[in-house]
All heavy atoms as atom14 arrays in JSON, in Angstrom:
{
  "sequence": "RRVTRPLAGEVLEIGFGSGLNVPHYPPAVTRVLAVDPSAGGRRLAA",
  "atom14_mask": [
    [1, 1, 1, 1, 1, 1, 1, 1, 1, 1, 1, 0, 0, 0],
    [1, 1, 1, 1, 1, 1, 1, 1, 1, 1, 1, 0, 0, 0],
    [1, 1, 1, 1, 1, 1, 1, 0, 0, 0, 0, 0, 0, 0],
    [1, 1, 1, 1, 1, 1, 1, 0, 0, 0, 0, 0, 0, 0],
    [1, 1, 1, 1, 1, 1, 1, 1, 1, 1, 1, 0, 0, 0],
    [1, 1, 1, 1, 1, 1, 1, 0, 0, 0, 0, 0, 0, 0],
    [1, 1, 1, 1, 1, 1, 1, 1, 0, 0, 0, 0, 0, 0],
    [1, 1, 1, 1, 1, 0, 0, 0, 0, 0, 0, 0, 0, 0],
    [1, 1, 1, 1, 0, 0, 0, 0, 0, 0, 0, 0, 0, 0],
    [1, 1, 1, 1, 1, 1, 1, 1, 1, 0, 0, 0, 0, 0],
    [1, 1, 1, 1, 1, 1, 1, 0, 0, 0, 0, 0, 0, 0],
    [1, 1, 1, 1, 1, 1, 1, 1, 0, 0, 0, 0, 0, 0],
    [1, 1, 1, 1, 1, 1, 1, 1, 1, 0, 0, 0, 0, 0],
    [1, 1, 1, 1, 1, 1, 1, 1, 0, 0, 0, 0, 0, 0],
    [1, 1, 1, 1, 0, 0, 0, 0, 0, 0, 0, 0, 0, 0],
    [1, 1, 1, 1, 1, 1, 1, 1, 1, 1, 1, 0, 0, 0],
    [1, 1, 1, 1, 0, 0, 0, 0, 0, 0, 0, 0, 0, 0],
    [1, 1, 1, 1, 1, 1, 0, 0, 0, 0, 0, 0, 0, 0],
    [1, 1, 1, 1, 0, 0, 0, 0, 0, 0, 0, 0, 0, 0],
    [1, 1, 1, 1, 1, 1, 1, 1, 0, 0, 0, 0, 0, 0],
    [1, 1, 1, 1, 1, 1, 1, 1, 0, 0, 0, 0, 0, 0],
    [1, 1, 1, 1, 1, 1, 1, 0, 0, 0, 0, 0, 0, 0],
    [1, 1, 1, 1, 1, 1, 1, 0, 0, 0, 0, 0, 0, 0],
    [1, 1, 1, 1, 1, 1, 1, 1, 1, 1, 0, 0, 0, 0],
    [1, 1, 1, 1, 1, 1, 1, 1, 1, 1, 1, 1, 0, 0],
    [1, 1, 1, 1, 1, 1, 1, 0, 0, 0, 0, 0, 0, 0],
    [1, 1, 1, 1, 1, 1, 1, 0, 0, 0, 0, 0, 0, 0],
    [1, 1, 1, 1, 1, 0, 0, 0, 0, 0, 0, 0, 0, 0],
    [1, 1, 1, 1, 1, 1, 1, 0, 0, 0, 0, 0, 0, 0],
    [1, 1, 1, 1, 1, 1, 1, 0, 0, 0, 0, 0, 0, 0],
    [1, 1, 1, 1, 1, 1, 1, 1, 1, 1, 1, 0, 0, 0],
    [1, 1, 1, 1, 1, 1, 1, 0, 0, 0, 0, 0, 0, 0],
    [1, 1, 1, 1, 1, 1, 1, 1, 0, 0, 0, 0, 0, 0],
    [1, 1, 1, 1, 1, 0, 0, 0, 0, 0, 0, 0, 0, 0],
    [1, 1, 1, 1, 1, 1, 1, 0, 0, 0, 0, 0, 0, 0],
    [1, 1, 1, 1, 1, 1, 1, 1, 0, 0, 0, 0, 0, 0],
    [1, 1, 1, 1, 1, 1, 1, 0, 0, 0, 0, 0, 0, 0],
    [1, 1, 1, 1, 1, 1, 0, 0, 0, 0, 0, 0, 0, 0],
    [1, 1, 1, 1, 1, 0, 0, 0, 0, 0, 0, 0, 0, 0],
    [1, 1, 1, 1, 0, 0, 0, 0, 0, 0, 0, 0, 0, 0],
    [1, 1, 1, 1, 0, 0, 0, 0, 0, 0, 0, 0, 0, 0],
    [1, 1, 1, 1, 1, 1, 1, 1, 1, 1, 1, 0, 0, 0],
    [1, 1, 1, 1, 1, 1, 1, 1, 1, 1, 1, 0, 0, 0],
    [1, 1, 1, 1, 1, 1, 1, 1, 0, 0, 0, 0, 0, 0],
    [1, 1, 1, 1, 1, 0, 0, 0, 0, 0, 0, 0, 0, 0],
    [1, 1, 1, 1, 1, 0, 0, 0, 0, 0, 0, 0, 0, 0]
  ],
  "atom14_positions": [
    [[0.84, -1.22, 0.0], [0.01, -0.01, 0.0], [0.87, 1.26, 0.0], [0.62, 2.2, -0.74], [-0.92, 0.02, 1.22], [-2.07, -0.92, 1.12], [-3.03, -0.75, 2.31], [-4.0, -1.81, 2.27], [-4.25, -2.62, 3.28], [-3.6, -2.51, 4.41], [-5.16, -3.57, 3.16], [0.0, 0.0, 0.0], [0.0, 0.0, 0.0], [0.0, 0.0, 0.0]],
    [[1.88, 1.25, 0.84], [2.73, 2.42, 0.98], [3.54, 2.65, -0.3], [3.7, 3.81, -0.75], [3.66, 2.23, 2.15], [4.39, 3.5, 2.53], [5.07, 3.42, 3.89], [5.25, 2.11, 4.44], [6.45, 1.57, 4.7], [7.55, 2.24, 4.46], [6.55, 0.36, 5.22], [0.0, 0.0, 0.0], [0.0, 0.0, 0.0], [0.0, 0.0, 0.0]],
    [[4.04, 1.6, -0.89], [4.9, 1.73, -2.08], [4.08, 2.12, -3.31], [4.55, 2.88, -4.15], [5.66, 0.39, -2.32], [6.36, 0.39, -3.67], [6.69, 0.18, -1.22], [0.0, 0.0, 0.0], [0.0, 0.0, 0.0], [0.0, 0.0, 0.0], [0.0, 0.0, 0.0], [0.0, 0.0, 0.0], [0.0, 0.0, 0.0], [0.0, 0.0, 0.0]],
    [[2.87, 1.62, -3.43], [2.08, 1.91, -4.61], [1.31, 3.25, -4.52], [0.91, 3.78, -5.54], [1.05, 0.8, -4.91], [0.21, 0.6, -3.74], [1.76, -0.51, -5.25], [0.0, 0.0, 0.0], [0.0, 0.0, 0.0], [0.0, 0.0, 0.0], [0.0, 0.0, 0.0], [0.0, 0.0, 0.0], [0.0, 0.0, 0.0], [0.0, 0.0, 0.0]],
    [[1.15, 3.77, -3.33], [0.35, 5.01, -3.12], [0.79, 6.15, -4.05], [-0.08, 6.82, -4.61], [0.46, 5.42, -1.66], [-0.53, 6.52, -1.28], [-0.52, 6.77, 0.23], [-0.97, 5.61, 0.94], [-0.31, 5.06, 1.98], [0.78, 5.58, 2.44], [-0.79, 3.95, 2.56], [0.0, 0.0, 0.0], [0.0, 0.0, 0.0], [0.0, 0.0, 0.0]],
    [[2.06, 6.43, -4.26], [2.42, 7.61, -5.11], [2.41, 7.32, -6.62], [2.68, 8.23, -7.41], [3.83, 7.94, -4.63], [4.39, 6.67, -4.11], [3.23, 5.91, -3.54], [0.0, 0.0, 0.0], [0.0, 0.0, 0.0], [0.0, 0.0, 0.0], [0.0, 0.0, 0.0], [0.0, 0.0, 0.0], [0.0, 0.0, 0.0], [0.0, 0.0, 0.0]],
    [[2.09, 6.12, -7.04], [2.1, 5.8, -8.45], [1.03, 6.57, -9.23], [-0.07, 6.81, -8.71], [1.91, 4.31, -8.68], [2.99, 3.39, -8.1], [2.61, 1.94, -8.32], [4.35, 3.69, -8.71], [0.0, 0.0, 0.0], [0.0, 0.0, 0.0], [0.0, 0.0, 0.0], [0.0, 0.0, 0.0], [0.0, 0.0, 0.0], [0.0, 0.0, 0.0]],
    [[1.36, 6.91, -10.47], [0.42, 7.61, -11.33], [0.77, 7.32, -12.8], [1.91, 6.98, -13.11], [0.45, 9.12, -11.07], [0.0, 0.0, 0.0], [0.0, 0.0, 0.0], [0.0, 0.0, 0.0], [0.0, 0.0, 0.0], [0.0, 0.0, 0.0], [0.0, 0.0, 0.0], [0.0, 0.0, 0.0], [0.0, 0.0, 0.0], [0.0, 0.0, 0.0]],
    [[-0.23, 7.47, -13.66], [0.0, 7.28, -15.09], [0.2, 5.8, -15.44], [-0.39, 4.92, -14.82], [0.0, 0.0, 0.0], [0.0, 0.0, 0.0], [0.0, 0.0, 0.0], [0.0, 0.0, 0.0], [0.0, 0.0, 0.0], [0.0, 0.0, 0.0], [0.0, 0.0, 0.0], [0.0, 0.0, 0.0], [0.0, 0.0, 0.0], [0.0, 0.0, 0.0]],
    [[1.04, 5.56, -16.45], [1.36, 4.19, -16.84], [2.47, 3.64, -15.95], [3.44, 4.34, -15.7], [1.79, 4.13, -18.31], [0.63, 4.38, -19.24], [1.03, 4.13, -20.69], [2.21, 3.91, -20.99], [0.14, 4.18, -21.52], [0.0, 0.0, 0.0], [0.0, 0.0, 0.0], [0.0, 0.0, 0.0], [0.0, 0.0, 0.0], [0.0, 0.0, 0.0]],
    [[2.29, 2.41, -15.51], [3.25, 1.76, -14.61], [3.76, 0.52, -15.29], [2.98, -0.27, -15.84], [2.58, 1.4, -13.26], [3.49, 0.56, -12.4], [2.12, 2.66, -12.54], [0.0, 0.0, 0.0], [0.0, 0.0, 0.0], [0.0, 0.0, 0.0], [0.0, 0.0, 0.0], [0.0, 0.0, 0.0], [0.0, 0.0, 0.0], [0.0, 0.0, 0.0]],
    [[5.08, 0.33, -15.26], [5.69, -0.91, -15.74], [6.12, -1.71, -14.52], [6.93, -1.25, -13.73], [6.91, -0.61, -16.59], [7.81, -1.8, -16.99], [7.02, -2.81, -17.81], [9.03, -1.32, -17.73], [0.0, 0.0, 0.0], [0.0, 0.0, 0.0], [0.0, 0.0, 0.0], [0.0, 0.0, 0.0], [0.0, 0.0, 0.0], [0.0, 0.0, 0.0]],
    [[5.51, -2.88, -14.35], [5.87, -3.73, -13.22], [6.6, -4.97, -13.74], [6.01, -5.83, -14.37], [4.62, -4.14, -12.42], [5.0, -4.86, -11.16], [3.87, -5.1, -10.24], [2.83, -4.44, -10.31], [4.01, -6.02, -9.39], [0.0, 0.0, 0.0], [0.0, 0.0, 0.0], [0.0, 0.0, 0.0], [0.0, 0.0, 0.0], [0.0, 0.0, 0.0]],
    [[7.87, -5.03, -13.46], [8.71, -6.13, -13.87], [8.78, -7.11, -12.7], [9.07, -6.71, -11.6], [10.13, -5.65, -14.27], [10.02, -4.7, -15.46], [11.03, -6.81, -14.58], [11.3, -4.0, -15.8], [0.0, 0.0, 0.0], [0.0, 0.0, 0.0], [0.0, 0.0, 0.0], [0.0, 0.0, 0.0], [0.0, 0.0, 0.0], [0.0, 0.0, 0.0]],
    [[8.46, -8.37, -12.98], [8.34, -9.36, -11.92], [6.93, -9.31, -11.35], [6.75, -9.36, -10.14], [0.0, 0.0, 0.0], [0.0, 0.0, 0.0], [0.0, 0.0, 0.0], [0.0, 0.0, 0.0], [0.0, 0.0, 0.0], [0.0, 0.0, 0.0], [0.0, 0.0, 0.0], [0.0, 0.0, 0.0], [0.0, 0.0, 0.0], [0.0, 0.0, 0.0]],
    [[5.95, -9.22, -12.2], [4.55, -9.04, -11.82], [4.05, -10.22, -10.98], [3.2, -10.05, -10.11], [3.7, -8.91, -13.1], [2.26, -8.58, -12.85], [1.88, -7.33, -12.47], [1.31, -9.57, -13.06], [0.53, -7.04, -12.29], [-0.05, -9.3, -12.87], [-0.43, -8.02, -12.48], [0.0, 0.0, 0.0], [0.0, 0.0, 0.0], [0.0, 0.0, 0.0]],
    [[4.52, -11.4, -11.26], [4.12, -12.59, -10.49], [2.65, -12.84, -10.53], [2.01, -12.84, -11.57], [0.0, 0.0, 0.0], [0.0, 0.0, 0.0], [0.0, 0.0, 0.0], [0.0, 0.0, 0.0], [0.0, 0.0, 0.0], [0.0, 0.0, 0.0], [0.0, 0.0, 0.0], [0.0, 0.0, 0.0], [0.0, 0.0, 0.0], [0.0, 0.0, 0.0]],
    [[2.02, -13.01, -9.34], [0.61, -13.33, -9.28], [-0.25, -12.06, -9.11], [-1.43, -12.17, -8.81], [0.35, -14.29, -8.1], [0.76, -13.68, -6.9], [0.0, 0.0, 0.0], [0.0, 0.0, 0.0], [0.0, 0.0, 0.0], [0.0, 0.0, 0.0], [0.0, 0.0, 0.0], [0.0, 0.0, 0.0], [0.0, 0.0, 0.0], [0.0, 0.0, 0.0]],
    [[0.36, -10.91, -9.3], [-0.43, -9.66, -9.28], [-0.79, -9.18, -7.89], [-1.81, -8.5, -7.73], [0.0, 0.0, 0.0], [0.0, 0.0, 0.0], [0.0, 0.0, 0.0], [0.0, 0.0, 0.0], [0.0, 0.0, 0.0], [0.0, 0.0, 0.0], [0.0, 0.0, 0.0], [0.0, 0.0, 0.0], [0.0, 0.0, 0.0], [0.0, 0.0, 0.0]],
    [[0.04, -9.45, -6.89], [-0.29, -9.04, -5.53], [-0.4, -7.53, -5.39], [-1.06, -7.04, -4.47], [0.75, -9.6, -4.55], [0.65, -11.09, -4.3], [1.86, -11.59, -3.49], [-0.62, -11.44, -3.58], [0.0, 0.0, 0.0], [0.0, 0.0, 0.0], [0.0, 0.0, 0.0], [0.0, 0.0, 0.0], [0.0, 0.0, 0.0], [0.0, 0.0, 0.0]],
    [[0.23, -6.76, -6.26], [0.17, -5.29, -6.17], [-1.14, -4.74, -6.75], [-1.53, -3.61, -6.45], [1.35, -4.62, -6.86], [2.63, -4.82, -6.12], [2.64, -4.99, -4.91], [3.73, -4.78, -6.84], [0.0, 0.0, 0.0], [0.0, 0.0, 0.0], [0.0, 0.0, 0.0], [0.0, 0.0, 0.0], [0.0, 0.0, 0.0], [0.0, 0.0, 0.0]],
    [[-1.8, -5.49, -7.58], [-2.97, -5.0, -8.32], [-4.02, -4.33, -7.42], [-4.48, -3.24, -7.74], [-3.59, -6.13, -9.2], [-4.92, -5.68, -9.79], [-2.64, -6.52, -10.3], [0.0, 0.0, 0.0], [0.0, 0.0, 0.0], [0.0, 0.0, 0.0], [0.0, 0.0, 0.0], [0.0, 0.0, 0.0], [0.0, 0.0, 0.0], [0.0, 0.0, 0.0]],
    [[-4.42, -4.94, -6.33], [-5.47, -4.29, -5.51], [-5.02, -2.96, -4.88], [-5.86, -2.23, -4.35], [-5.77, -5.31, -4.42], [-5.19, -6.6, -4.88], [-4.08, -6.26, -5.81], [0.0, 0.0, 0.0], [0.0, 0.0, 0.0], [0.0, 0.0, 0.0], [0.0, 0.0, 0.0], [0.0, 0.0, 0.0], [0.0, 0.0, 0.0], [0.0, 0.0, 0.0]],
    [[-3.75, -2.67, -4.95], [-3.23, -1.48, -4.27], [-2.9, -0.31, -5.21], [-2.51, 0.73, -4.74], [-1.98, -1.86, -3.46], [-2.23, -3.01, -2.54], [-3.05, -2.9, -1.42], [-1.84, -4.29, -2.57], [-3.09, -4.06, -0.81], [-2.38, -4.92, -1.51], [0.0, 0.0, 0.0], [0.0, 0.0, 0.0], [0.0, 0.0, 0.0], [0.0, 0.0, 0.0]],
    [[-3.12, -0.5, -6.52], [-2.84, 0.61, -7.42], [-3.82, 1.73, -7.14], [-5.03, 1.5, -7.06], [-3.01, 0.19, -8.9], [-2.03, -0.86, -9.37], [-2.46, -1.92, -10.16], [-0.67, -0.79, -9.08], [-1.58, -2.86, -10.62], [0.2, -1.74, -9.53], [-0.26, -2.78, -10.3], [0.61, -3.71, -10.75], [0.0, 0.0, 0.0], [0.0, 0.0, 0.0]],
    [[-3.33, 2.96, -6.99], [-4.23, 4.07, -6.72], [-5.0, 4.49, -7.97], [-4.62, 4.11, -9.1], [-3.28, 5.18, -6.26], [-1.98, 4.85, -6.91], [-1.92, 3.36, -6.97], [0.0, 0.0, 0.0], [0.0, 0.0, 0.0], [0.0, 0.0, 0.0], [0.0, 0.0, 0.0], [0.0, 0.0, 0.0], [0.0, 0.0, 0.0], [0.0, 0.0, 0.0]],
    [[-6.06, 5.26, -7.81], [-6.83, 5.69, -8.99], [-6.04, 6.47, -10.02], [-6.42, 6.53, -11.19], [-7.95, 6.57, -8.36], [-8.03, 6.12, -6.94], [-6.63, 5.67, -6.57], [0.0, 0.0, 0.0], [0.0, 0.0, 0.0], [0.0, 0.0, 0.0], [0.0, 0.0, 0.0], [0.0, 0.0, 0.0], [0.0, 0.0, 0.0], [0.0, 0.0, 0.0]],
    [[-4.92, 7.06, -9.63], [-4.11, 7.84, -10.56], [-3.38, 6.97, -11.55], [-2.86, 7.48, -12.55], [-3.13, 8.71, -9.78], [0.0, 0.0, 0.0], [0.0, 0.0, 0.0], [0.0, 0.0, 0.0], [0.0, 0.0, 0.0], [0.0, 0.0, 0.0], [0.0, 0.0, 0.0], [0.0, 0.0, 0.0], [0.0, 0.0, 0.0], [0.0, 0.0, 0.0]],
    [[-3.33, 5.67, -11.34], [-2.67, 4.74, -12.3], [-3.67, 4.5, -13.43], [-4.81, 4.1, -13.21], [-2.28, 3.43, -11.63], [-1.81, 2.43, -12.66], [-1.18, 3.67, -10.6], [0.0, 0.0, 0.0], [0.0, 0.0, 0.0], [0.0, 0.0, 0.0], [0.0, 0.0, 0.0], [0.0, 0.0, 0.0], [0.0, 0.0, 0.0], [0.0, 0.0, 0.0]],
    [[-3.22, 4.76, -14.67], [-4.11, 4.62, -15.82], [-3.96, 3.28, -16.54], [-4.87, 2.85, -17.23], [-3.85, 5.76, -16.83], [-2.49, 5.74, -17.24], [-4.2, 7.11, -16.21], [0.0, 0.0, 0.0], [0.0, 0.0, 0.0], [0.0, 0.0, 0.0], [0.0, 0.0, 0.0], [0.0, 0.0, 0.0], [0.0, 0.0, 0.0], [0.0, 0.0, 0.0]],
    [[-2.77, 2.68, -16.4], [-2.53, 1.4, -17.06], [-1.29, 0.78, -16.46], [-0.37, 1.47, -16.07], [-2.31, 1.61, -18.57], [-2.1, 0.32, -19.35], [-2.19, 0.55, -20.83], [-0.93, 1.1, -21.32], [-0.48, 0.92, -22.57], [-1.22, 0.25, -23.43], [0.65, 1.43, -22.93], [0.0, 0.0, 0.0], [0.0, 0.0, 0.0], [0.0, 0.0, 0.0]],
    [[-1.29, -0.56, -16.41], [-0.12, -1.28, -15.91], [0.36, -2.24, -17.01], [-0.43, -2.99, -17.58], [-0.46, -2.12, -14.64], [0.71, -2.94, -14.21], [-0.92, -1.17, -13.53], [0.0, 0.0, 0.0], [0.0, 0.0, 0.0], [0.0, 0.0, 0.0], [0.0, 0.0, 0.0], [0.0, 0.0, 0.0], [0.0, 0.0, 0.0], [0.0, 0.0, 0.0]],
    [[1.64, -2.13, -17.31], [2.28, -3.07, -18.22], [2.99, -4.09, -17.35], [3.88, -3.73, -16.56], [3.28, -2.35, -19.12], [2.68, -1.21, -19.92], [3.76, -0.42, -20.64], [1.65, -1.75, -20.92], [0.0, 0.0, 0.0], [0.0, 0.0, 0.0], [0.0, 0.0, 0.0], [0.0, 0.0, 0.0], [0.0, 0.0, 0.0], [0.0, 0.0, 0.0]],
    [[2.56, -5.33, -17.4], [3.05, -6.37, -16.5], [3.95, -7.34, -17.23], [3.6, -7.84, -18.3], [1.87, -7.13, -15.89], [0.0, 0.0, 0.0], [0.0, 0.0, 0.0], [0.0, 0.0, 0.0], [0.0, 0.0, 0.0], [0.0, 0.0, 0.0], [0.0, 0.0, 0.0], [0.0, 0.0, 0.0], [0.0, 0.0, 0.0], [0.0, 0.0, 0.0]],
    [[5.13, -7.61, -16.66], [6.1, -8.52, -17.27], [6.45, -9.6, -16.23], [6.85, -9.29, -15.11], [7.38, -7.76, -17.68], [8.4, -8.74, -18.26], [7.06, -6.65, -18.64], [0.0, 0.0, 0.0], [0.0, 0.0, 0.0], [0.0, 0.0, 0.0], [0.0, 0.0, 0.0], [0.0, 0.0, 0.0], [0.0, 0.0, 0.0], [0.0, 0.0, 0.0]],
    [[6.3, -10.84, -16.63], [6.72, -11.95, -15.77], [6.85, -13.21, -16.63], [5.95, -13.48, -17.48], [5.73, -12.22, -14.64], [6.37, -13.03, -13.53], [6.57, -14.23, -13.7], [6.68, -12.41, -12.5], [0.0, 0.0, 0.0], [0.0, 0.0, 0.0], [0.0, 0.0, 0.0], [0.0, 0.0, 0.0], [0.0, 0.0, 0.0], [0.0, 0.0, 0.0]],
    [[7.92, -13.95, -16.47], [8.1, -15.16, -17.31], [7.27, -16.35, -16.88], [7.16, -17.33, -17.62], [9.6, -15.45, -17.17], [9.92, -14.95, -15.81], [9.07, -13.72, -15.62], [0.0, 0.0, 0.0], [0.0, 0.0, 0.0], [0.0, 0.0, 0.0], [0.0, 0.0, 0.0], [0.0, 0.0, 0.0], [0.0, 0.0, 0.0], [0.0, 0.0, 0.0]],
    [[6.66, -16.32, -15.71], [5.98, -17.49, -15.17], [4.54, -17.57, -15.64], [3.7, -16.76, -15.28], [6.01, -17.45, -13.64], [5.19, -18.44, -13.09], [0.0, 0.0, 0.0], [0.0, 0.0, 0.0], [0.0, 0.0, 0.0], [0.0, 0.0, 0.0], [0.0, 0.0, 0.0], [0.0, 0.0, 0.0], [0.0, 0.0, 0.0], [0.0, 0.0, 0.0]],
    [[4.23, -18.61, -16.38], [2.84, -18.86, -16.79], [1.97, -19.16, -15.56], [0.81, -18.75, -15.5], [2.78, -20.0, -17.78], [0.0, 0.0, 0.0], [0.0, 0.0, 0.0], [0.0, 0.0, 0.0], [0.0, 0.0, 0.0], [0.0, 0.0, 0.0], [0.0, 0.0, 0.0], [0.0, 0.0, 0.0], [0.0, 0.0, 0.0], [0.0, 0.0, 0.0]],
    [[2.56, -19.84, -14.57], [1.8, -20.14, -13.33], [1.46, -18.84, -12.6], [0.35, -18.72, -12.09], [0.0, 0.0, 0.0], [0.0, 0.0, 0.0], [0.0, 0.0, 0.0], [0.0, 0.0, 0.0], [0.0, 0.0, 0.0], [0.0, 0.0, 0.0], [0.0, 0.0, 0.0], [0.0, 0.0, 0.0], [0.0, 0.0, 0.0], [0.0, 0.0, 0.0]],
    [[2.36, -17.92, -12.56], [2.08, -16.63, -11.92], [1.01, -15.87, -12.66], [0.1, -15.27, -12.06], [0.0, 0.0, 0.0], [0.0, 0.0, 0.0], [0.0, 0.0, 0.0], [0.0, 0.0, 0.0], [0.0, 0.0, 0.0], [0.0, 0.0, 0.0], [0.0, 0.0, 0.0], [0.0, 0.0, 0.0], [0.0, 0.0, 0.0], [0.0, 0.0, 0.0]],
    [[1.05, -15.93, -13.99], [0.01, -15.24, -14.78], [-1.36, -15.87, -14.54], [-2.36, -15.16, -14.48], [0.39, -15.29, -16.27], [1.6, -14.39, -16.59], [1.79, -14.21, -18.07], [2.02, -15.45, -18.8], [3.22, -15.98, -19.01], [4.31, -15.41, -18.53], [3.35, -17.09, -19.71], [0.0, 0.0, 0.0], [0.0, 0.0, 0.0], [0.0, 0.0, 0.0]],
    [[-1.41, -17.17, -14.39], [-2.7, -17.83, -14.09], [-3.22, -17.36, -12.73], [-4.41, -17.07, -12.58], [-2.56, -19.35, -14.1], [-2.52, -19.95, -15.49], [-2.66, -21.47, -15.46], [-1.59, -22.12, -14.73], [-0.43, -22.47, -15.28], [-0.16, -22.2, -16.52], [0.49, -23.05, -14.52], [0.0, 0.0, 0.0], [0.0, 0.0, 0.0], [0.0, 0.0, 0.0]],
    [[-2.36, -17.28, -11.73], [-2.78, -16.81, -10.41], [-3.2, -15.35, -10.44], [-4.06, -14.93, -9.66], [-1.64, -17.0, -9.41], [-1.3, -18.44, -9.02], [-0.04, -18.49, -8.18], [-2.43, -19.1, -8.33], [0.0, 0.0, 0.0], [0.0, 0.0, 0.0], [0.0, 0.0, 0.0], [0.0, 0.0, 0.0], [0.0, 0.0, 0.0], [0.0, 0.0, 0.0]],
    [[-2.62, -14.59, -11.33], [-2.93, -13.15, -11.42], [-4.25, -12.86, -12.12], [-4.82, -11.79, -11.97], [-1.81, -12.41, -12.14], [0.0, 0.0, 0.0], [0.0, 0.0, 0.0], [0.0, 0.0, 0.0], [0.0, 0.0, 0.0], [0.0, 0.0, 0.0], [0.0, 0.0, 0.0], [0.0, 0.0, 0.0], [0.0, 0.0, 0.0], [0.0, 0.0, 0.0]],
    [[-4.77, -13.82, -12.87], [-5.92, -13.6, -13.71], [-7.13, -13.01, -12.95], [-7.78, -12.1, -13.41], [-6.33, -14.87, -14.43], [0.0, 0.0, 0.0], [0.0, 0.0, 0.0], [0.0, 0.0, 0.0], [0.0, 0.0, 0.0], [0.0, 0.0, 0.0], [0.0, 0.0, 0.0], [0.0, 0.0, 0.0], [0.0, 0.0, 0.0], [0.0, 0.0, 0.0]]
  ]
}
């Protein structure tokens, strides 16, 4: 919560994993570009 609070605009998250940060993106974030090599992580993030 503390780390994502100041985010705004487009965000690039490298090591997205299962998307644990997703519920914490503030309204000022307009889009997230997520990068992660794990198909298992992407399934969990869905």
